[in-house]
């Protein structure tokens, strides 16, 4: 296993695409916060002064730090950008026939599979941490005149939620890539399913929900809709979500984690079985 981890880490860190994608994802993430904070500061300067109460501080700092994904997960662009690394980790191997060289160097397929998921997962988690810290710095740069009440535990939990969500998303697309062994199709699915297919399904459920409200409520169990609830905790009702029910509508973060994480685990198990039983 140690040899597999060294091999995969070396492969990941020596590919130019790893650094370009990571750098671009972090730059877009922090840059988005910088531009939005600048526009707010320059256009409504008179209202932005003095002390900010605890709830508003939490919302303002979390929104800036996570590109407003606490309001709508669709704004959390870094997750969908950095997840491309997961697709490439398998896609490059199969597209260029390098999987044979990999298995020659490390014949243990379970170790190779595990090492890929561990190294890429650790890398994207670190990228999310860096992006959150830089985005928070950009927020504080433009709003230095405001006296925030800092709840570092809440901010830390918010970062952890984004790290978990991004790692799960990356692992999900990694598993799909290994199963279909087609890099381009996996890239299309990464954006087509959450932004296209699930959007259409939610619209259909909403229409049929006119006659049966229970049908529209079931949309919360759609995989990516549920996954978004891991990081979205504001604006679904009034202010921050205080839902104590695991699978209530809207889903609790833990319920969302069970659904999205469960689907990811099933796909990962399928990809491991596929990798161990199919020809390279």
C-alpha atoms as a PDB file:
ATOM      1  CA  UNK A   1       0.000   0.000   0.000  1.00  0.00           C
ATOM      2  CA  UNK A   2       2.860   2.381   0.796  1.00  0.00           C
ATOM      3  CA  UNK A   3       4.361   1.817  -2.651  1.00  0.00           C
ATOM      4  CA  UNK A   4       0.972   2.500  -4.271  1.00  0.00           C
ATOM      5  CA  UNK A   5       0.548   5.742  -2.312  1.00  0.00           C
ATOM      6  CA  UNK A   6       4.023   6.928  -3.292  1.00  0.00           C
ATOM      7  CA  UNK A   7       3.381   6.026  -6.917  1.00  0.00           C
ATOM      8  CA  UNK A   8       0.019   7.807  -7.086  1.00  0.00           C
ATOM      9  CA  UNK A   9       1.241  10.861  -5.219  1.00  0.00           C
ATOM     10  CA  UNK A  10       4.183  11.156  -7.577  1.00  0.00           C
ATOM     11  CA  UNK A  11       1.913  10.771 -10.581  1.00  0.00           C
ATOM     12  CA  UNK A  12      -0.566  13.350  -9.259  1.00  0.00           C
ATOM     13  CA  UNK A  13       2.009  15.993  -8.390  1.00  0.00           C
ATOM     14  CA  UNK A  14       4.080  15.669 -11.571  1.00  0.00           C
ATOM     15  CA  UNK A  15       1.197  16.165 -13.993  1.00  0.00           C
ATOM     16  CA  UNK A  16       0.936  19.754 -15.269  1.00  0.00           C
ATOM     17  CA  UNK A  17      -2.860  19.444 -15.397  1.00  0.00           C
ATOM     18  CA  UNK A  18      -2.972  18.955 -11.625  1.00  0.00           C
ATOM     19  CA  UNK A  19      -1.355  22.309 -10.969  1.00  0.00           C
ATOM     20  CA  UNK A  20      -3.234  24.176 -13.685  1.00  0.00           C
ATOM     21  CA  UNK A  21      -6.639  22.911 -12.585  1.00  0.00           C
ATOM     22  CA  UNK A  22      -5.905  23.431  -8.901  1.00  0.00           C
ATOM     23  CA  UNK A  23      -4.505  26.907  -9.417  1.00  0.00           C
ATOM     24  CA  UNK A  24      -7.377  27.946 -11.668  1.00  0.00           C
ATOM     25  CA  UNK A  25     -10.005  26.569  -9.270  1.00  0.00           C
ATOM     26  CA  UNK A  26      -8.521  28.408  -6.289  1.00  0.00           C
ATOM     27  CA  UNK A  27      -8.025  31.602  -8.295  1.00  0.00           C
ATOM     28  CA  UNK A  28     -11.609  31.597  -9.566  1.00  0.00           C
ATOM     29  CA  UNK A  29     -12.908  30.886  -6.079  1.00  0.00           C
ATOM     30  CA  UNK A  30     -10.975  33.651  -4.337  1.00  0.00           C
ATOM     31  CA  UNK A  31     -11.330  35.977  -7.330  1.00  0.00           C
ATOM     32  CA  UNK A  32     -15.111  35.648  -7.305  1.00  0.00           C
ATOM     33  CA  UNK A  33     -15.169  36.643  -3.632  1.00  0.00           C
ATOM     34  CA  UNK A  34     -12.770  39.529  -4.246  1.00  0.00           C
ATOM     35  CA  UNK A  35     -14.853  40.992  -7.083  1.00  0.00           C
ATOM     36  CA  UNK A  36     -18.227  40.598  -5.350  1.00  0.00           C
ATOM     37  CA  UNK A  37     -16.909  42.052  -2.079  1.00  0.00           C
ATOM     38  CA  UNK A  38     -15.353  44.959  -3.991  1.00  0.00           C
ATOM     39  CA  UNK A  39     -18.589  45.733  -5.829  1.00  0.00           C
ATOM     40  CA  UNK A  40     -20.590  45.673  -2.611  1.00  0.00           C
ATOM     41  CA  UNK A  41     -18.060  47.858  -0.805  1.00  0.00           C
ATOM     42  CA  UNK A  42     -17.838  50.457  -3.565  1.00  0.00           C
ATOM     43  CA  UNK A  43     -21.568  50.698  -4.257  1.00  0.00           C
ATOM     44  CA  UNK A  44     -23.003  50.828  -0.746  1.00  0.00           C
ATOM     45  CA  UNK A  45     -20.194  52.244   1.406  1.00  0.00           C
ATOM     46  CA  UNK A  46     -22.341  54.248   3.841  1.00  0.00           C
ATOM     47  CA  UNK A  47     -24.218  51.202   5.203  1.00  0.00           C
ATOM     48  CA  UNK A  48     -21.050  49.177   5.743  1.00  0.00           C
ATOM     49  CA  UNK A  49     -19.662  50.431   9.027  1.00  0.00           C
ATOM     50  CA  UNK A  50     -19.868  49.733  12.717  1.00  0.00           C
ATOM     51  CA  UNK A  51     -20.445  46.493  14.560  1.00  0.00           C
ATOM     52  CA  UNK A  52     -22.221  43.461  13.094  1.00  0.00           C
ATOM     53  CA  UNK A  53     -24.265  41.147  15.295  1.00  0.00           C
ATOM     54  CA  UNK A  54     -23.477  37.455  15.659  1.00  0.00           C
ATOM     55  CA  UNK A  55     -26.010  36.081  13.135  1.00  0.00           C
ATOM     56  CA  UNK A  56     -25.170  38.624  10.451  1.00  0.00           C
ATOM     57  CA  UNK A  57     -21.454  38.098  11.045  1.00  0.00           C
ATOM     58  CA  UNK A  58     -21.873  34.368  10.587  1.00  0.00           C
ATOM     59  CA  UNK A  59     -23.802  34.807   7.361  1.00  0.00           C
ATOM     60  CA  UNK A  60     -21.531  37.486   5.929  1.00  0.00           C
ATOM     61  CA  UNK A  61     -18.246  35.727   6.700  1.00  0.00           C
ATOM     62  CA  UNK A  62     -19.473  32.288   5.649  1.00  0.00           C
ATOM     63  CA  UNK A  63     -20.965  33.645   2.428  1.00  0.00           C
ATOM     64  CA  UNK A  64     -17.749  35.389   1.461  1.00  0.00           C
ATOM     65  CA  UNK A  65     -15.557  32.487   2.497  1.00  0.00           C
ATOM     66  CA  UNK A  66     -17.572  29.911   0.526  1.00  0.00           C
ATOM     67  CA  UNK A  67     -18.762  31.931  -2.493  1.00  0.00           C
ATOM     68  CA  UNK A  68     -22.351  32.169  -1.189  1.00  0.00           C
ATOM     69  CA  UNK A  69     -22.768  28.397  -1.237  1.00  0.00           C
ATOM     70  CA  UNK A  70     -24.474  28.657   2.148  1.00  0.00           C
ATOM     71  CA  UNK A  71     -27.360  30.232   0.193  1.00  0.00           C
ATOM     72  CA  UNK A  72     -27.161  28.145  -2.988  1.00  0.00           C
ATOM     73  CA  UNK A  73     -24.659  25.324  -3.613  1.00  0.00           C
ATOM     74  CA  UNK A  74     -24.624  26.056  -7.351  1.00  0.00           C
ATOM     75  CA  UNK A  75     -22.264  28.969  -6.561  1.00  0.00           C
ATOM     76  CA  UNK A  76     -19.635  26.625  -5.135  1.00  0.00           C
ATOM     77  CA  UNK A  77     -17.715  26.426  -8.371  1.00  0.00           C
ATOM     78  CA  UNK A  78     -14.450  25.141  -6.910  1.00  0.00           C
ATOM     79  CA  UNK A  79     -16.027  21.762  -6.116  1.00  0.00           C
ATOM     80  CA  UNK A  80     -17.001  21.128  -9.736  1.00  0.00           C
ATOM     81  CA  UNK A  81     -13.705  22.509 -11.036  1.00  0.00           C
ATOM     82  CA  UNK A  82     -11.371  20.577  -8.753  1.00  0.00           C
ATOM     83  CA  UNK A  83     -13.395  17.354  -9.187  1.00  0.00           C
ATOM     84  CA  UNK A  84     -12.007  17.210 -12.724  1.00  0.00           C
ATOM     85  CA  UNK A  85      -8.787  15.909 -11.158  1.00  0.00           C
ATOM     86  CA  UNK A  86     -10.693  12.820 -10.077  1.00  0.00           C
ATOM     87  CA  UNK A  87     -11.834  12.166 -13.615  1.00  0.00           C
ATOM     88  CA  UNK A  88      -8.330  12.646 -14.997  1.00  0.00           C
ATOM     89  CA  UNK A  89      -6.823  10.323 -12.385  1.00  0.00           C
ATOM     90  CA  UNK A  90      -8.559   7.386 -14.093  1.00  0.00           C
ATOM     91  CA  UNK A  91      -9.225   8.943 -17.492  1.00  0.00           C
ATOM     92  CA  UNK A  92      -5.574   9.578 -18.340  1.00  0.00           C
ATOM     93  CA  UNK A  93      -4.692   6.014 -17.384  1.00  0.00           C
ATOM     94  CA  UNK A  94      -7.240   4.413 -19.684  1.00  0.00           C
ATOM     95  CA  UNK A  95      -7.084   6.970 -22.477  1.00  0.00           C
ATOM     96  CA  UNK A  96      -3.318   6.650 -22.921  1.00  0.00           C
ATOM     97  CA  UNK A  97      -2.987   3.006 -21.904  1.00  0.00           C
ATOM     98  CA  UNK A  98      -0.915   3.891 -18.844  1.00  0.00           C
ATOM     99  CA  UNK A  99      -2.961   1.665 -16.557  1.00  0.00           C
ATOM    100  CA  UNK A 100      -0.841  -1.284 -17.682  1.00  0.00           C
ATOM    101  CA  UNK A 101       2.339   0.513 -16.614  1.00  0.00           C
ATOM    102  CA  UNK A 102       0.717   1.378 -13.303  1.00  0.00           C
ATOM    103  CA  UNK A 103      -0.253  -2.240 -12.635  1.00  0.00           C
ATOM    104  CA  UNK A 104       3.193  -3.400 -13.681  1.00  0.00           C
ATOM    105  CA  UNK A 105       4.773  -1.075 -11.112  1.00  0.00           C
ATOM    106  CA  UNK A 106       2.175  -1.913  -8.429  1.00  0.00           C
ATOM    107  CA  UNK A 107       0.432  -5.236  -9.226  1.00  0.00           C
ATOM    108  CA  UNK A 108      -1.928  -5.043  -6.228  1.00  0.00           C
ATOM    109  CA  UNK A 109      -5.123  -3.659  -7.756  1.00  0.00           C
ATOM    110  CA  UNK A 110      -6.833  -2.960  -4.445  1.00  0.00           C
ATOM    111  CA  UNK A 111      -3.814  -0.926  -3.337  1.00  0.00           C
ATOM    112  CA  UNK A 112      -3.760   1.045  -6.611  1.00  0.00           C
ATOM    113  CA  UNK A 113      -7.495   1.760  -6.386  1.00  0.00           C
ATOM    114  CA  UNK A 114      -7.249   2.856  -2.754  1.00  0.00           C
ATOM    115  CA  UNK A 115      -4.188   4.996  -3.365  1.00  0.00           C
ATOM    116  CA  UNK A 116      -5.886   6.903  -6.180  1.00  0.00           C
ATOM    117  CA  UNK A 117      -8.897   7.764  -4.046  1.00  0.00           C
ATOM    118  CA  UNK A 118      -6.801   8.663  -0.990  1.00  0.00           C
ATOM    119  CA  UNK A 119      -4.299  10.902  -2.781  1.00  0.00           C
ATOM    120  CA  UNK A 120      -6.839  12.751  -4.921  1.00  0.00           C
ATOM    121  CA  UNK A 121      -9.190  13.119  -1.954  1.00  0.00           C
ATOM    122  CA  UNK A 122      -6.426  14.609   0.202  1.00  0.00           C
ATOM    123  CA  UNK A 123      -5.392  16.966  -2.613  1.00  0.00           C
ATOM    124  CA  UNK A 124      -8.866  18.381  -3.267  1.00  0.00           C
ATOM    125  CA  UNK A 125      -9.533  18.757   0.469  1.00  0.00           C
ATOM    126  CA  UNK A 126      -6.360  20.826   0.796  1.00  0.00           C
ATOM    127  CA  UNK A 127      -7.360  22.932  -2.220  1.00  0.00           C
ATOM    128  CA  UNK A 128     -10.741  23.695  -0.650  1.00  0.00           C
ATOM    129  CA  UNK A 129      -9.044  24.738   2.591  1.00  0.00           C
ATOM    130  CA  UNK A 130      -6.717  27.112   0.734  1.00  0.00           C
ATOM    131  CA  UNK A 131      -9.605  28.564  -1.290  1.00  0.00           C
ATOM    132  CA  UNK A 132     -11.699  29.176   1.833  1.00  0.00           C
ATOM    133  CA  UNK A 133      -8.834  30.903   3.660  1.00  0.00           C
ATOM    134  CA  UNK A 134      -8.031  33.130   0.676  1.00  0.00           C
ATOM    135  CA  UNK A 135     -11.708  33.970   0.148  1.00  0.00           C
ATOM    136  CA  UNK A 136     -12.091  34.889   3.811  1.00  0.00           C
ATOM    137  CA  UNK A 137      -9.015  37.113   3.521  1.00  0.00           C
ATOM    138  CA  UNK A 138     -10.544  38.854   0.480  1.00  0.00           C
ATOM    139  CA  UNK A 139     -13.774  39.418   2.407  1.00  0.00           C
ATOM    140  CA  UNK A 140     -11.968  40.921   5.386  1.00  0.00           C
ATOM    141  CA  UNK A 141      -9.821  43.060   3.088  1.00  0.00           C
ATOM    142  CA  UNK A 142     -12.818  44.913   1.698  1.00  0.00           C
ATOM    143  CA  UNK A 143     -14.820  44.990   4.920  1.00  0.00           C
ATOM    144  CA  UNK A 144     -12.080  45.838   7.384  1.00  0.00           C
ATOM    145  CA  UNK A 145     -14.213  48.731   8.664  1.00  0.00           C
ATOM    146  CA  UNK A 146     -16.845  46.313  10.008  1.00  0.00           C
ATOM    147  CA  UNK A 147     -16.570  44.929  13.502  1.00  0.00           C
ATOM    148  CA  UNK A 148     -17.506  41.268  13.052  1.00  0.00           C
ATOM    149  CA  UNK A 149     -18.236  38.788  15.824  1.00  0.00           C
ATOM    150  CA  UNK A 150     -16.030  35.837  14.949  1.00  0.00           C
ATOM    151  CA  UNK A 151     -17.241  32.347  15.724  1.00  0.00           C
ATOM    152  CA  UNK A 152     -14.215  30.335  14.638  1.00  0.00           C
ATOM    153  CA  UNK A 153     -15.906  27.034  15.471  1.00  0.00           C
ATOM    154  CA  UNK A 154     -18.758  27.805  13.060  1.00  0.00           C
ATOM    155  CA  UNK A 155     -16.351  28.947  10.363  1.00  0.00           C
ATOM    156  CA  UNK A 156     -14.237  25.838  10.855  1.00  0.00           C
ATOM    157  CA  UNK A 157     -17.313  23.619  10.585  1.00  0.00           C
ATOM    158  CA  UNK A 158     -18.304  25.440   7.406  1.00  0.00           C
ATOM    159  CA  UNK A 159     -14.896  24.717   5.866  1.00  0.00           C
ATOM    160  CA  UNK A 160     -15.117  21.070   6.935  1.00  0.00           C
ATOM    161  CA  UNK A 161     -18.534  20.745   5.261  1.00  0.00           C
ATOM    162  CA  UNK A 162     -17.108  22.083   1.993  1.00  0.00           C
ATOM    163  CA  UNK A 163     -14.159  19.733   2.210  1.00  0.00           C
ATOM    164  CA  UNK A 164     -16.435  16.728   2.777  1.00  0.00           C
ATOM    165  CA  UNK A 165     -18.781  17.739  -0.043  1.00  0.00           C
ATOM    166  CA  UNK A 166     -15.938  18.296  -2.506  1.00  0.00           C
ATOM    167  CA  UNK A 167     -14.172  15.055  -1.638  1.00  0.00           C
ATOM    168  CA  UNK A 168     -17.413  13.081  -2.005  1.00  0.00           C
ATOM    169  CA  UNK A 169     -18.145  14.746  -5.349  1.00  0.00           C
ATOM    170  CA  UNK A 170     -14.616  13.991  -6.551  1.00  0.00           C
ATOM    171  CA  UNK A 171     -14.799  10.380  -5.423  1.00  0.00           C
ATOM    172  CA  UNK A 172     -18.186   9.991  -7.095  1.00  0.00           C
ATOM    173  CA  UNK A 173     -16.926  11.130 -10.493  1.00  0.00           C
ATOM    174  CA  UNK A 174     -13.755   9.064 -10.034  1.00  0.00           C
ATOM    175  CA  UNK A 175     -15.884   5.961  -9.498  1.00  0.00           C
ATOM    176  CA  UNK A 176     -18.043   6.747 -12.527  1.00  0.00           C
ATOM    177  CA  UNK A 177     -14.940   7.278 -14.687  1.00  0.00           C
ATOM    178  CA  UNK A 178     -13.512   3.912 -13.695  1.00  0.00           C
ATOM    179  CA  UNK A 179     -16.850   2.208 -14.397  1.00  0.00           C
ATOM    180  CA  UNK A 180     -17.396   3.687 -17.866  1.00  0.00           C
ATOM    181  CA  UNK A 181     -13.680   4.139 -18.715  1.00  0.00           C
ATOM    182  CA  UNK A 182     -14.439   7.157 -20.847  1.00  0.00           C
ATOM    183  CA  UNK A 183     -12.888  10.434 -19.765  1.00  0.00           C
ATOM    184  CA  UNK A 184     -14.910  12.774 -21.979  1.00  0.00           C
ATOM    185  CA  UNK A 185     -18.263  11.222 -21.103  1.00  0.00           C
ATOM    186  CA  UNK A 186     -17.416  11.422 -17.393  1.00  0.00           C
ATOM    187  CA  UNK A 187     -16.597  15.127 -17.762  1.00  0.00           C
ATOM    188  CA  UNK A 188     -19.938  15.714 -19.466  1.00  0.00           C
ATOM    189  CA  UNK A 189     -21.799  13.828 -16.739  1.00  0.00           C
ATOM    190  CA  UNK A 190     -20.111  15.906 -14.019  1.00  0.00           C
ATOM    191  CA  UNK A 191     -22.010  18.972 -15.236  1.00  0.00           C
ATOM    192  CA  UNK A 192     -24.919  17.504 -17.198  1.00  0.00           C
ATOM    193  CA  UNK A 193     -26.408  15.450 -14.374  1.00  0.00           C
ATOM    194  CA  UNK A 194     -26.588  18.043 -11.541  1.00  0.00           C
ATOM    195  CA  UNK A 195     -27.211  21.088 -13.733  1.00  0.00           C
ATOM    196  CA  UNK A 196     -29.359  19.491 -16.438  1.00  0.00           C
ATOM    197  CA  UNK A 197     -30.923  16.164 -15.575  1.00  0.00           C
ATOM    198  CA  UNK A 198     -31.719  16.873 -11.942  1.00  0.00           C
ATOM    199  CA  UNK A 199     -32.963  20.369 -12.759  1.00  0.00           C
ATOM    200  CA  UNK A 200     -35.397  18.860 -15.266  1.00  0.00           C
ATOM    201  CA  UNK A 201     -36.468  16.173 -12.795  1.00  0.00           C
ATOM    202  CA  UNK A 202     -37.103  18.756 -10.074  1.00  0.00           C
ATOM    203  CA  UNK A 203     -39.206  20.791 -12.492  1.00  0.00           C
ATOM    204  CA  UNK A 204     -41.258  17.727 -13.408  1.00  0.00           C
ATOM    205  CA  UNK A 205     -41.764  16.795  -9.753  1.00  0.00           C
ATOM    206  CA  UNK A 206     -42.801  20.364  -9.015  1.00  0.00           C
ATOM    207  CA  UNK A 207     -45.434  20.256 -11.773  1.00  0.00           C
ATOM    208  CA  UNK A 208     -46.857  16.931 -10.611  1.00  0.00           C
ATOM    209  CA  UNK A 209     -46.678  18.217  -7.042  1.00  0.00           C
ATOM    210  CA  UNK A 210     -49.517  20.593  -7.849  1.00  0.00           C
ATOM    211  CA  UNK A 211     -51.816  17.583  -7.639  1.00  0.00           C
ATOM    212  CA  UNK A 212     -49.870  15.671  -4.983  1.00  0.00           C
ATOM    213  CA  UNK A 213     -47.570  17.722  -2.722  1.00  0.00           C
ATOM    214  CA  UNK A 214     -45.735  14.594  -1.612  1.00  0.00           C
ATOM    215  CA  UNK A 215     -44.337  14.136  -5.111  1.00  0.00           C
ATOM    216  CA  UNK A 216     -42.614  17.521  -5.179  1.00  0.00           C
ATOM    217  CA  UNK A 217     -41.245  16.939  -1.669  1.00  0.00           C
ATOM    218  CA  UNK A 218     -39.487  13.801  -2.903  1.00  0.00           C
ATOM    219  CA  UNK A 219     -37.122  15.992  -4.963  1.00  0.00           C
ATOM    220  CA  UNK A 220     -35.009  16.405  -1.823  1.00  0.00           C
ATOM    221  CA  UNK A 221     -33.823  12.806  -2.258  1.00  0.00           C
ATOM    222  CA  UNK A 222     -32.290  13.416  -5.686  1.00  0.00           C
ATOM    223  CA  UNK A 223     -28.545  12.764  -5.246  1.00  0.00           C
ATOM    224  CA  UNK A 224     -27.068  16.144  -6.095  1.00  0.00           C
ATOM    225  CA  UNK A 225     -30.012  18.022  -4.647  1.00  0.00           C
ATOM    226  CA  UNK A 226     -29.336  16.153  -1.405  1.00  0.00           C
ATOM    227  CA  UNK A 227     -25.591  16.704  -1.727  1.00  0.00           C
ATOM    228  CA  UNK A 228     -26.099  20.443  -1.910  1.00  0.00           C
ATOM    229  CA  UNK A 229     -27.757  20.379   1.492  1.00  0.00           C
ATOM    230  CA  UNK A 230     -24.438  19.371   3.030  1.00  0.00           C
ATOM    231  CA  UNK A 231     -23.241  22.928   2.451  1.00  0.00           C
ATOM    232  CA  UNK A 232     -26.459  24.954   2.117  1.00  0.00           C
ATOM    233  CA  UNK A 233     -27.778  25.988   5.510  1.00  0.00           C
ATOM    234  CA  UNK A 234     -29.312  29.415   4.930  1.00  0.00           C
ATOM    235  CA  UNK A 235     -32.369  30.719   3.118  1.00  0.00           C
ATOM    236  CA  UNK A 236     -34.476  27.562   2.788  1.00  0.00           C
ATOM    237  CA  UNK A 237     -36.818  28.686   5.551  1.00  0.00           C
ATOM    238  CA  UNK A 238     -36.037  31.734   7.661  1.00  0.00           C
ATOM    239  CA  UNK A 239     -32.378  32.396   8.254  1.00  0.00           C
ATOM    240  CA  UNK A 240     -30.210  29.480   9.256  1.00  0.00           C
ATOM    241  CA  UNK A 241     -31.720  26.042   9.111  1.00  0.00           C
ATOM    242  CA  UNK A 242     -32.611  24.510  12.483  1.00  0.00           C
ATOM    243  CA  UNK A 243     -34.148  21.319  11.141  1.00  0.00           C
ATOM    244  CA  UNK A 244     -33.691  18.507  13.645  1.00  0.00           C
ATOM    245  CA  UNK A 245     -35.329  15.798  11.543  1.00  0.00           C
ATOM    246  CA  UNK A 246     -32.833  13.653   9.659  1.00  0.00           C
ATOM    247  CA  UNK A 247     -34.776  13.373   6.386  1.00  0.00           C
ATOM    248  CA  UNK A 248     -37.290  16.184   6.825  1.00  0.00           C
ATOM    249  CA  UNK A 249     -37.949  18.699   4.101  1.00  0.00           C
ATOM    250  CA  UNK A 250     -35.485  20.369   3.734  1.00  0.00           C
ATOM    251  CA  UNK A 251     -32.969  17.648   4.529  1.00  0.00           C
ATOM    252  CA  UNK A 252     -30.678  18.028   7.493  1.00  0.00           C
ATOM    253  CA  UNK A 253     -26.949  18.159   6.650  1.00  0.00           C
ATOM    254  CA  UNK A 254     -26.517  14.714   8.206  1.00  0.00           C
ATOM    255  CA  UNK A 255     -29.396  13.284   6.178  1.00  0.00           C
ATOM    256  CA  UNK A 256     -27.910  14.844   3.043  1.00  0.00           C
ATOM    257  CA  UNK A 257     -24.546  13.321   3.895  1.00  0.00           C
ATOM    258  CA  UNK A 258     -26.122   9.884   4.261  1.00  0.00           C
ATOM    259  CA  UNK A 259     -27.842  10.102   0.868  1.00  0.00           C
ATOM    260  CA  UNK A 260     -25.011  11.651  -1.132  1.00  0.00           C
ATOM    261  CA  UNK A 261     -22.302   9.750   0.705  1.00  0.00           C
ATOM    262  CA  UNK A 262     -24.247   6.497   0.379  1.00  0.00           C
ATOM    263  CA  UNK A 263     -24.569   6.881  -3.375  1.00  0.00           C
ATOM    264  CA  UNK A 264     -20.860   7.684  -3.601  1.00  0.00           C
ATOM    265  CA  UNK A 265     -19.987   4.609  -1.524  1.00  0.00           C
ATOM    266  CA  UNK A 266     -22.095   2.346  -3.761  1.00  0.00           C
ATOM    267  CA  UNK A 267     -20.425   3.672  -6.902  1.00  0.00           C
ATOM    268  CA  UNK A 268     -16.986   3.353  -5.325  1.00  0.00           C
ATOM    269  CA  UNK A 269     -17.700  -0.259  -4.369  1.00  0.00           C
ATOM    270  CA  UNK A 270     -18.816  -0.944  -7.937  1.00  0.00           C
ATOM    271  CA  UNK A 271     -15.686   0.676  -9.342  1.00  0.00           C
ATOM    272  CA  UNK A 272     -13.453  -1.397  -7.059  1.00  0.00           C
ATOM    273  CA  UNK A 273     -15.176  -4.600  -8.166  1.00  0.00           C
ATOM    274  CA  UNK A 274     -14.882  -3.509 -11.787  1.00  0.00           C
ATOM    275  CA  UNK A 275     -11.204  -2.637 -11.432  1.00  0.00           C
ATOM    276  CA  UNK A 276     -10.375  -5.972  -9.827  1.00  0.00           C
ATOM    277  CA  UNK A 277     -12.325  -8.147 -12.276  1.00  0.00           C
ATOM    278  CA  UNK A 278     -12.076  -6.438 -15.678  1.00  0.00           C
ATOM    279  CA  UNK A 279      -9.065  -6.502 -17.974  1.00  0.00           C
ATOM    280  CA  UNK A 280      -6.749  -3.506 -17.894  1.00  0.00           C
END
